[in-house]
Amino acid sequence: MTRGTRGRDAQAGMSTAEYAVGTIAAAGFAAVLYKIVTSGPVSTAMRQLIERALDAGF
């Protein structure tokens, strides 16, 4: 192998690992956001906001 090829292969797995960490972080963030949005006070506030928007006269 030439030096350039070996260096490129050594870094090939790094991007995969970075994507995996990013995916796990995004899934964790989504889980926290889901818990917040489905909590009682936030759910009630969102429901009231949507009801007001649907009842608004144009």
N, C-alpha and C. Protein backbone atom coordinates (compact mmCIF):
# COMPACT_ATOMS: atom_id res chain seq x y z
N MET A 1 0.83 -1.18 0.00
CA MET A 1 0.00 0.00 0.00
C MET A 1 0.87 1.24 0.00
N THR A 2 0.37 2.22 -0.65
CA THR A 2 1.08 3.49 -0.60
C THR A 2 0.63 4.24 0.64
N ARG A 3 1.40 5.21 0.98
CA ARG A 3 1.11 5.96 2.21
C ARG A 3 -0.24 6.69 2.12
N GLY A 4 -0.58 7.25 0.99
CA GLY A 4 -1.84 7.97 0.84
C GLY A 4 -3.05 7.06 0.97
N THR A 5 -2.94 5.86 0.43
CA THR A 5 -4.07 4.92 0.52
C THR A 5 -4.29 4.46 1.95
N ARG A 6 -3.22 4.15 2.65
CA ARG A 6 -3.33 3.67 4.02
C ARG A 6 -3.93 4.76 4.91
N GLY A 7 -3.55 6.00 4.72
CA GLY A 7 -4.09 7.10 5.50
C GLY A 7 -5.57 7.31 5.27
N ARG A 8 -5.97 7.16 4.02
CA ARG A 8 -7.38 7.34 3.69
C ARG A 8 -8.21 6.20 4.31
N ASP A 9 -7.73 4.97 4.29
CA ASP A 9 -8.44 3.85 4.88
C ASP A 9 -8.51 3.97 6.39
N ALA A 10 -7.49 4.51 7.00
CA ALA A 10 -7.48 4.65 8.45
C ALA A 10 -8.55 5.63 8.91
N GLN A 11 -8.91 6.59 8.09
CA GLN A 11 -9.92 7.57 8.47
C GLN A 11 -11.32 7.20 8.00
N ALA A 12 -11.45 6.13 7.23
CA ALA A 12 -12.76 5.76 6.70
C ALA A 12 -13.73 5.41 7.82
N GLY A 13 -13.26 4.73 8.87
CA GLY A 13 -14.14 4.37 9.97
C GLY A 13 -14.49 5.54 10.86
N MET A 14 -13.70 6.59 10.83
CA MET A 14 -13.96 7.74 11.69
C MET A 14 -15.29 8.40 11.32
N SER A 15 -15.58 8.55 10.06
CA SER A 15 -16.83 9.20 9.69
C SER A 15 -18.02 8.34 10.10
N THR A 16 -17.88 7.03 10.01
CA THR A 16 -18.95 6.14 10.45
C THR A 16 -19.19 6.28 11.94
N ALA A 17 -18.13 6.35 12.72
CA ALA A 17 -18.27 6.52 14.17
C ALA A 17 -18.89 7.87 14.49
N GLU A 18 -18.51 8.89 13.77
CA GLU A 18 -19.08 10.21 14.00
C GLU A 18 -20.57 10.23 13.67
N TYR A 19 -20.96 9.56 12.58
CA TYR A 19 -22.38 9.47 12.24
C TYR A 19 -23.14 8.71 13.32
N ALA A 20 -22.54 7.65 13.85
CA ALA A 20 -23.20 6.87 14.90
C ALA A 20 -23.40 7.72 16.16
N VAL A 21 -22.40 8.46 16.56
CA VAL A 21 -22.52 9.32 17.75
C VAL A 21 -23.56 10.41 17.49
N GLY A 22 -23.55 10.97 16.32
CA GLY A 22 -24.54 12.00 15.98
C GLY A 22 -25.96 11.45 15.97
N THR A 23 -26.13 10.24 15.47
CA THR A 23 -27.45 9.61 15.45
C THR A 23 -27.94 9.33 16.86
N ILE A 24 -27.06 8.84 17.72
CA ILE A 24 -27.43 8.57 19.11
C ILE A 24 -27.78 9.87 19.82
N ALA A 25 -27.02 10.91 19.59
CA ALA A 25 -27.31 12.21 20.21
C ALA A 25 -28.65 12.75 19.73
N ALA A 26 -28.94 12.62 18.44
CA ALA A 26 -30.21 13.09 17.90
C ALA A 26 -31.38 12.31 18.48
N ALA A 27 -31.21 11.00 18.63
CA ALA A 27 -32.27 10.17 19.22
C ALA A 27 -32.50 10.55 20.68
N GLY A 28 -31.44 10.82 21.41
CA GLY A 28 -31.57 11.24 22.80
C GLY A 28 -32.28 12.57 22.91
N PHE A 29 -31.92 13.51 22.04
CA PHE A 29 -32.57 14.82 22.03
C PHE A 29 -34.05 14.68 21.69
N ALA A 30 -34.37 13.82 20.73
CA ALA A 30 -35.76 13.60 20.35
C ALA A 30 -36.55 13.01 21.51
N ALA A 31 -35.96 12.09 22.27
CA ALA A 31 -36.64 11.49 23.41
C ALA A 31 -36.93 12.54 24.48
N VAL A 32 -35.96 13.40 24.76
CA VAL A 32 -36.17 14.45 25.75
C VAL A 32 -37.25 15.43 25.27
N LEU A 33 -37.19 15.82 24.02
CA LEU A 33 -38.18 16.73 23.46
C LEU A 33 -39.57 16.11 23.51
N TYR A 34 -39.68 14.83 23.20
CA TYR A 34 -40.97 14.13 23.25
C TYR A 34 -41.54 14.15 24.67
N LYS A 35 -40.69 13.89 25.66
CA LYS A 35 -41.14 13.91 27.05
C LYS A 35 -41.64 15.30 27.46
N ILE A 36 -40.95 16.33 27.00
CA ILE A 36 -41.35 17.70 27.33
C ILE A 36 -42.68 18.04 26.68
N VAL A 37 -42.82 17.73 25.40
CA VAL A 37 -44.02 18.08 24.65
C VAL A 37 -45.24 17.30 25.15
N THR A 38 -45.05 16.07 25.59
CA THR A 38 -46.18 15.27 26.05
C THR A 38 -46.47 15.45 27.54
N SER A 39 -45.72 16.31 28.22
CA SER A 39 -46.00 16.56 29.63
C SER A 39 -47.32 17.33 29.76
N GLY A 40 -47.92 17.28 30.90
CA GLY A 40 -49.24 17.88 31.13
C GLY A 40 -49.34 19.35 30.79
N PRO A 41 -48.54 20.21 31.40
CA PRO A 41 -48.68 21.66 31.14
C PRO A 41 -48.40 22.05 29.68
N VAL A 42 -47.41 21.45 29.09
CA VAL A 42 -47.07 21.80 27.71
C VAL A 42 -48.15 21.29 26.77
N SER A 43 -48.63 20.08 27.01
CA SER A 43 -49.69 19.51 26.18
C SER A 43 -50.96 20.36 26.26
N THR A 44 -51.31 20.80 27.45
CA THR A 44 -52.49 21.65 27.63
C THR A 44 -52.31 22.98 26.91
N ALA A 45 -51.15 23.60 27.05
CA ALA A 45 -50.89 24.87 26.39
C ALA A 45 -50.95 24.73 24.87
N MET A 46 -50.39 23.65 24.35
CA MET A 46 -50.43 23.45 22.90
C MET A 46 -51.85 23.21 22.42
N ARG A 47 -52.63 22.45 23.18
CA ARG A 47 -54.02 22.20 22.82
C ARG A 47 -54.81 23.51 22.79
N GLN A 48 -54.62 24.36 23.80
CA GLN A 48 -55.32 25.64 23.84
C GLN A 48 -54.91 26.54 22.68
N LEU A 49 -53.63 26.53 22.35
CA LEU A 49 -53.14 27.34 21.24
C LEU A 49 -53.77 26.89 19.93
N ILE A 50 -53.83 25.59 19.72
CA ILE A 50 -54.42 25.07 18.48
C ILE A 50 -55.91 25.37 18.43
N GLU A 51 -56.60 25.21 19.57
CA GLU A 51 -58.03 25.50 19.58
C GLU A 51 -58.29 26.98 19.28
N ARG A 52 -57.47 27.87 19.85
CA ARG A 52 -57.64 29.30 19.55
C ARG A 52 -57.38 29.59 18.08
N ALA A 53 -56.39 28.93 17.52
CA ALA A 53 -56.07 29.16 16.10
C ALA A 53 -57.19 28.67 15.20
N LEU A 54 -57.81 27.53 15.56
CA LEU A 54 -58.90 26.99 14.74
C LEU A 54 -60.19 27.81 14.89
N ASP A 55 -60.39 28.43 16.04
CA ASP A 55 -61.60 29.21 16.27
C ASP A 55 -61.46 30.66 15.82
N ALA A 56 -60.32 31.05 15.36
CA ALA A 56 -60.09 32.44 14.94
C ALA A 56 -60.90 32.75 13.70
N GLY A 57 -61.54 33.89 13.72
CA GLY A 57 -62.31 34.32 12.55
C GLY A 57 -61.44 35.08 11.56
N PHE A 58 -61.64 34.81 10.30
CA PHE A 58 -60.84 35.49 9.29
C PHE A 58 -61.66 36.52 8.63
